[in-house]
């Protein structure tokens, strides 16, 4: 089971990533763009994800993933139950969400230094 601490350990090391608390919810952002956000009870995580692919993701694994609330449907966003994923999957989701919001050269430099 993945926890917010597991996510924090990765997200806090990403270039230009900042942790903020907004209305009692932990969020990670680059500049003003949020790429991760946790539910108040820290059991669910929203993350940046291409809009055109999210229905397929949710349909393929509804026990893990679910659609964002209606007010967030306009964003590139989907939600995941942290208890349903492992550390490797969390790493992939977090890095992909972060890559959506940083300049391509920043992501490329990170990949060269750390690996994909």
N, C-alpha and C. Protein backbone atom coordinates (compact mmCIF):
# COMPACT_ATOMS: atom_id res chain seq x y z
N UNK A 1 0.85 -1.19 0.00
CA UNK A 1 0.00 0.00 0.00
C UNK A 1 0.89 1.25 0.00
N UNK A 2 0.56 2.18 -0.83
CA UNK A 2 1.29 3.44 -0.94
C UNK A 2 0.67 4.46 0.01
N UNK A 3 1.52 5.27 0.63
CA UNK A 3 1.05 6.33 1.53
C UNK A 3 1.47 7.69 0.98
N UNK A 4 0.94 8.73 1.57
CA UNK A 4 1.33 10.08 1.18
C UNK A 4 2.83 10.28 1.42
N UNK A 5 3.37 9.64 2.44
CA UNK A 5 4.81 9.78 2.71
C UNK A 5 5.65 9.17 1.58
N UNK A 6 5.18 8.08 1.01
CA UNK A 6 5.88 7.48 -0.13
C UNK A 6 5.89 8.44 -1.32
N UNK A 7 4.74 9.05 -1.57
CA UNK A 7 4.63 10.00 -2.68
C UNK A 7 5.49 11.23 -2.39
N UNK A 8 5.43 11.72 -1.19
CA UNK A 8 6.21 12.90 -0.79
C UNK A 8 7.70 12.65 -0.97
N UNK A 9 8.16 11.45 -0.64
CA UNK A 9 9.58 11.12 -0.78
C UNK A 9 10.06 11.27 -2.23
N UNK A 10 9.20 10.99 -3.18
CA UNK A 10 9.55 11.15 -4.59
C UNK A 10 9.27 12.58 -5.06
N UNK A 11 8.05 13.06 -4.85
CA UNK A 11 7.65 14.35 -5.40
C UNK A 11 8.50 15.50 -4.89
N UNK A 12 8.96 15.42 -3.66
CA UNK A 12 9.76 16.51 -3.10
C UNK A 12 11.15 16.59 -3.74
N UNK A 13 11.58 15.55 -4.41
CA UNK A 13 12.90 15.55 -5.06
C UNK A 13 12.86 16.02 -6.50
N UNK A 14 11.67 16.20 -7.04
CA UNK A 14 11.55 16.57 -8.46
C UNK A 14 11.86 18.06 -8.66
N UNK A 15 12.65 18.39 -9.66
CA UNK A 15 12.97 19.79 -9.93
C UNK A 15 11.71 20.65 -10.08
N UNK A 16 11.75 21.81 -9.46
CA UNK A 16 10.68 22.82 -9.51
C UNK A 16 9.40 22.42 -8.80
N UNK A 17 9.38 21.28 -8.12
CA UNK A 17 8.19 20.81 -7.41
C UNK A 17 8.14 21.44 -6.02
N UNK A 18 6.96 21.93 -5.66
CA UNK A 18 6.74 22.51 -4.33
C UNK A 18 5.52 21.86 -3.69
N UNK A 19 5.61 21.59 -2.40
CA UNK A 19 4.47 21.08 -1.65
C UNK A 19 3.75 22.27 -1.03
N UNK A 20 2.43 22.29 -1.14
CA UNK A 20 1.62 23.35 -0.54
C UNK A 20 0.42 22.73 0.15
N UNK A 21 -0.15 23.46 1.08
CA UNK A 21 -1.37 23.05 1.76
C UNK A 21 -2.46 24.03 1.36
N UNK A 22 -3.50 23.51 0.70
CA UNK A 22 -4.60 24.34 0.23
C UNK A 22 -5.90 23.75 0.78
N UNK A 23 -6.60 24.52 1.59
CA UNK A 23 -7.85 24.07 2.20
C UNK A 23 -7.71 22.70 2.83
N UNK A 24 -6.68 22.54 3.63
CA UNK A 24 -6.40 21.30 4.36
C UNK A 24 -6.08 20.11 3.45
N UNK A 25 -5.64 20.38 2.24
CA UNK A 25 -5.26 19.31 1.32
C UNK A 25 -3.83 19.53 0.86
N UNK A 26 -3.04 18.46 0.90
CA UNK A 26 -1.67 18.52 0.41
C UNK A 26 -1.69 18.45 -1.10
N UNK A 27 -0.93 19.38 -1.71
CA UNK A 27 -0.82 19.41 -3.17
C UNK A 27 0.63 19.62 -3.54
N UNK A 28 1.00 19.11 -4.69
CA UNK A 28 2.32 19.38 -5.26
C UNK A 28 2.10 20.12 -6.56
N UNK A 29 2.93 21.13 -6.77
CA UNK A 29 2.77 21.92 -7.98
C UNK A 29 4.13 22.37 -8.51
N UNK A 30 4.11 22.78 -9.75
CA UNK A 30 5.24 23.42 -10.40
C UNK A 30 4.73 24.80 -10.78
N UNK A 31 5.31 25.83 -10.19
CA UNK A 31 4.76 27.17 -10.37
C UNK A 31 3.37 27.17 -9.76
N UNK A 32 2.38 27.55 -10.55
CA UNK A 32 0.99 27.56 -10.08
C UNK A 32 0.21 26.34 -10.56
N UNK A 33 0.85 25.44 -11.29
CA UNK A 33 0.16 24.29 -11.87
C UNK A 33 0.28 23.09 -10.94
N UNK A 34 -0.85 22.60 -10.47
CA UNK A 34 -0.90 21.45 -9.57
C UNK A 34 -0.80 20.18 -10.41
N UNK A 35 0.11 19.27 -10.00
CA UNK A 35 0.20 18.00 -10.71
C UNK A 35 -0.16 16.81 -9.81
N UNK A 36 -0.25 17.02 -8.50
CA UNK A 36 -0.71 16.00 -7.55
C UNK A 36 -1.54 16.68 -6.47
N UNK A 37 -2.60 16.02 -6.04
CA UNK A 37 -3.40 16.54 -4.93
C UNK A 37 -3.99 15.36 -4.18
N UNK A 38 -4.00 15.44 -2.86
CA UNK A 38 -4.49 14.35 -2.03
C UNK A 38 -5.83 14.70 -1.42
N UNK A 39 -6.64 13.66 -1.18
CA UNK A 39 -7.89 13.86 -0.46
C UNK A 39 -7.54 14.26 0.97
N UNK A 40 -8.49 14.83 1.67
CA UNK A 40 -8.23 15.27 3.05
C UNK A 40 -7.79 14.11 3.95
N UNK A 41 -8.34 12.92 3.70
CA UNK A 41 -7.95 11.76 4.52
C UNK A 41 -6.70 11.06 3.98
N UNK A 42 -6.13 11.59 2.90
CA UNK A 42 -4.88 11.12 2.31
C UNK A 42 -4.94 9.68 1.81
N UNK A 43 -6.13 9.21 1.44
CA UNK A 43 -6.27 7.85 0.90
C UNK A 43 -6.38 7.85 -0.62
N UNK A 44 -6.63 9.02 -1.20
CA UNK A 44 -6.78 9.14 -2.65
C UNK A 44 -5.87 10.25 -3.16
N UNK A 45 -5.41 10.07 -4.39
CA UNK A 45 -4.53 11.06 -5.00
C UNK A 45 -5.04 11.39 -6.40
N UNK A 46 -5.22 12.67 -6.64
CA UNK A 46 -5.49 13.14 -7.99
C UNK A 46 -4.16 13.46 -8.65
N UNK A 47 -4.08 13.24 -9.95
CA UNK A 47 -2.83 13.50 -10.65
C UNK A 47 -3.09 13.91 -12.09
N UNK A 48 -2.15 14.66 -12.63
CA UNK A 48 -2.25 15.09 -14.01
C UNK A 48 -2.23 13.88 -14.94
N UNK A 49 -3.15 13.88 -15.89
CA UNK A 49 -3.28 12.77 -16.82
C UNK A 49 -4.03 13.27 -18.05
N UNK A 50 -3.65 12.84 -19.25
CA UNK A 50 -4.32 13.33 -20.46
C UNK A 50 -5.83 13.05 -20.46
N UNK A 51 -6.60 14.09 -20.70
CA UNK A 51 -8.06 13.96 -20.71
C UNK A 51 -8.54 12.89 -21.67
N UNK A 52 -7.92 12.84 -22.85
CA UNK A 52 -8.38 11.92 -23.88
C UNK A 52 -8.12 10.45 -23.55
N UNK A 53 -7.32 10.19 -22.53
CA UNK A 53 -6.99 8.81 -22.16
C UNK A 53 -7.61 8.35 -20.85
N UNK A 54 -8.21 9.26 -20.10
CA UNK A 54 -8.65 8.89 -18.75
C UNK A 54 -9.82 7.92 -18.72
N UNK A 55 -10.76 8.03 -19.67
CA UNK A 55 -11.89 7.09 -19.67
C UNK A 55 -11.40 5.66 -19.84
N UNK A 56 -10.43 5.46 -20.71
CA UNK A 56 -9.87 4.12 -20.93
C UNK A 56 -9.16 3.62 -19.68
N UNK A 57 -8.43 4.50 -19.01
CA UNK A 57 -7.72 4.11 -17.78
C UNK A 57 -8.72 3.67 -16.71
N UNK A 58 -9.74 4.46 -16.49
CA UNK A 58 -10.75 4.15 -15.47
C UNK A 58 -11.50 2.87 -15.83
N UNK A 59 -11.85 2.71 -17.09
CA UNK A 59 -12.59 1.52 -17.52
C UNK A 59 -11.75 0.26 -17.38
N UNK A 60 -10.44 0.38 -17.61
CA UNK A 60 -9.55 -0.78 -17.53
C UNK A 60 -9.34 -1.26 -16.10
N UNK A 61 -9.28 -0.33 -15.15
CA UNK A 61 -9.01 -0.69 -13.76
C UNK A 61 -9.84 0.15 -12.80
N UNK A 62 -11.16 -0.04 -12.79
CA UNK A 62 -12.03 0.79 -11.94
C UNK A 62 -11.81 0.59 -10.44
N UNK A 63 -11.16 -0.50 -10.06
CA UNK A 63 -10.86 -0.71 -8.63
C UNK A 63 -9.73 0.20 -8.17
N UNK A 64 -8.94 0.72 -9.12
CA UNK A 64 -7.83 1.61 -8.79
C UNK A 64 -8.16 3.06 -9.10
N UNK A 65 -8.64 3.30 -10.30
CA UNK A 65 -8.79 4.66 -10.81
C UNK A 65 -10.25 5.08 -10.90
N UNK A 66 -10.49 6.38 -10.76
CA UNK A 66 -11.83 6.91 -10.93
C UNK A 66 -11.75 8.34 -11.47
N UNK A 67 -12.86 8.76 -12.04
CA UNK A 67 -12.92 10.08 -12.66
C UNK A 67 -12.91 11.17 -11.59
N UNK A 68 -12.39 12.34 -11.96
CA UNK A 68 -12.43 13.46 -11.01
C UNK A 68 -13.86 13.95 -10.82
N UNK A 69 -14.04 14.75 -9.79
CA UNK A 69 -15.38 15.31 -9.57
C UNK A 69 -15.76 16.17 -10.77
N UNK A 70 -17.05 16.40 -10.98
CA UNK A 70 -17.50 17.13 -12.17
C UNK A 70 -16.81 18.48 -12.39
N UNK A 71 -16.54 19.22 -11.33
CA UNK A 71 -15.91 20.53 -11.49
C UNK A 71 -14.46 20.43 -11.98
N UNK A 72 -13.84 19.25 -11.87
CA UNK A 72 -12.46 19.07 -12.33
C UNK A 72 -12.36 18.36 -13.67
N UNK A 73 -13.48 18.04 -14.28
CA UNK A 73 -13.46 17.31 -15.56
C UNK A 73 -12.80 18.11 -16.68
N UNK A 74 -12.78 19.41 -16.57
CA UNK A 74 -12.18 20.24 -17.62
C UNK A 74 -10.66 20.16 -17.61
N UNK A 75 -10.09 19.67 -16.51
CA UNK A 75 -8.64 19.59 -16.37
C UNK A 75 -8.12 18.24 -16.83
N UNK A 76 -6.83 18.18 -17.10
CA UNK A 76 -6.15 16.92 -17.39
C UNK A 76 -5.91 16.26 -16.04
N UNK A 77 -6.87 15.43 -15.60
CA UNK A 77 -6.85 14.97 -14.22
C UNK A 77 -7.58 13.64 -14.09
N UNK A 78 -7.11 12.78 -13.21
CA UNK A 78 -7.80 11.54 -12.84
C UNK A 78 -7.42 11.23 -11.39
N UNK A 79 -8.12 10.33 -10.75
CA UNK A 79 -7.90 10.01 -9.34
C UNK A 79 -7.54 8.54 -9.17
N UNK A 80 -6.79 8.24 -8.09
CA UNK A 80 -6.40 6.87 -7.80
C UNK A 80 -6.53 6.61 -6.30
N UNK A 81 -6.90 5.37 -5.97
CA UNK A 81 -6.93 4.94 -4.57
C UNK A 81 -5.52 4.47 -4.22
N UNK A 82 -4.88 5.11 -3.27
CA UNK A 82 -3.49 4.78 -2.93
C UNK A 82 -3.32 3.33 -2.48
N UNK A 83 -4.31 2.78 -1.80
CA UNK A 83 -4.21 1.40 -1.32
C UNK A 83 -4.20 0.39 -2.46
N UNK A 84 -4.60 0.82 -3.65
CA UNK A 84 -4.72 -0.10 -4.79
C UNK A 84 -3.48 -0.14 -5.67
N UNK A 85 -2.47 0.68 -5.39
CA UNK A 85 -1.28 0.71 -6.24
C UNK A 85 -0.03 0.37 -5.42
N UNK A 86 1.01 -0.03 -6.14
CA UNK A 86 2.28 -0.30 -5.47
C UNK A 86 3.25 0.85 -5.73
N UNK A 87 4.44 0.75 -5.16
CA UNK A 87 5.42 1.83 -5.29
C UNK A 87 5.86 2.07 -6.73
N UNK A 88 6.02 1.02 -7.51
CA UNK A 88 6.44 1.20 -8.90
C UNK A 88 5.38 1.95 -9.71
N UNK A 89 4.13 1.58 -9.51
CA UNK A 89 3.05 2.26 -10.24
C UNK A 89 2.92 3.71 -9.77
N UNK A 90 3.06 3.94 -8.47
CA UNK A 90 3.01 5.31 -7.95
C UNK A 90 4.10 6.15 -8.59
N UNK A 91 5.31 5.61 -8.67
CA UNK A 91 6.43 6.34 -9.27
C UNK A 91 6.10 6.73 -10.71
N UNK A 92 5.56 5.81 -11.46
CA UNK A 92 5.21 6.08 -12.86
C UNK A 92 4.15 7.18 -12.96
N UNK A 93 3.11 7.10 -12.13
CA UNK A 93 2.03 8.09 -12.17
C UNK A 93 2.54 9.48 -11.79
N UNK A 94 3.35 9.54 -10.73
CA UNK A 94 3.87 10.83 -10.25
C UNK A 94 4.80 11.45 -11.30
N UNK A 95 5.71 10.66 -11.82
CA UNK A 95 6.66 11.20 -12.82
C UNK A 95 5.94 11.65 -14.09
N UNK A 96 4.97 10.88 -14.54
CA UNK A 96 4.23 11.28 -15.75
C UNK A 96 3.45 12.56 -15.52
N UNK A 97 2.83 12.70 -14.34
CA UNK A 97 2.09 13.92 -14.02
C UNK A 97 3.03 15.12 -13.95
N UNK A 98 4.18 14.94 -13.33
CA UNK A 98 5.18 16.01 -13.24
C UNK A 98 5.68 16.40 -14.62
N UNK A 99 5.94 15.42 -15.46
CA UNK A 99 6.43 15.70 -16.82
C UNK A 99 5.44 16.52 -17.64
N UNK A 100 4.16 16.41 -17.31
CA UNK A 100 3.14 17.18 -18.03
C UNK A 100 3.26 18.68 -17.76
N UNK A 101 3.86 19.06 -16.64
CA UNK A 101 3.84 20.47 -16.24
C UNK A 101 5.19 21.17 -16.24
N UNK A 102 6.27 20.43 -16.38
CA UNK A 102 7.59 21.07 -16.44
C UNK A 102 8.03 21.21 -17.89
N UNK A 103 8.92 22.15 -18.16
CA UNK A 103 9.47 22.24 -19.52
C UNK A 103 10.14 20.92 -19.91
N UNK A 104 10.05 20.59 -21.18
CA UNK A 104 10.61 19.34 -21.68
C UNK A 104 12.10 19.19 -21.35
N UNK A 105 12.83 20.28 -21.39
CA UNK A 105 14.26 20.20 -21.11
C UNK A 105 14.53 19.85 -19.65
N UNK A 106 13.67 20.30 -18.73
CA UNK A 106 13.81 19.98 -17.31
C UNK A 106 13.57 18.48 -17.10
N UNK A 107 12.53 17.95 -17.73
CA UNK A 107 12.24 16.52 -17.62
C UNK A 107 13.36 15.69 -18.25
N UNK A 108 13.87 16.13 -19.40
CA UNK A 108 14.95 15.40 -20.07
C UNK A 108 16.21 15.39 -19.22
N UNK A 109 16.52 16.51 -18.59
CA UNK A 109 17.69 16.57 -17.73
C UNK A 109 17.53 15.64 -16.52
N UNK A 110 16.35 15.63 -15.94
CA UNK A 110 16.07 14.73 -14.81
C UNK A 110 16.25 13.28 -15.25
N UNK A 111 15.70 12.92 -16.40
CA UNK A 111 15.82 11.56 -16.89
C UNK A 111 17.28 11.16 -17.14
N UNK A 112 18.08 12.08 -17.63
CA UNK A 112 19.50 11.79 -17.86
C UNK A 112 20.23 11.55 -16.53
N UNK A 113 19.86 12.32 -15.51
CA UNK A 113 20.54 12.22 -14.22
C UNK A 113 20.06 11.04 -13.39
N UNK A 114 18.76 10.83 -13.37
CA UNK A 114 18.17 9.83 -12.48
C UNK A 114 17.73 8.57 -13.22
N UNK A 115 17.31 8.76 -14.46
CA UNK A 115 16.75 7.64 -15.23
C UNK A 115 15.25 7.72 -15.23
N UNK A 116 14.61 7.19 -16.25
CA UNK A 116 13.14 7.28 -16.36
C UNK A 116 12.40 6.50 -15.31
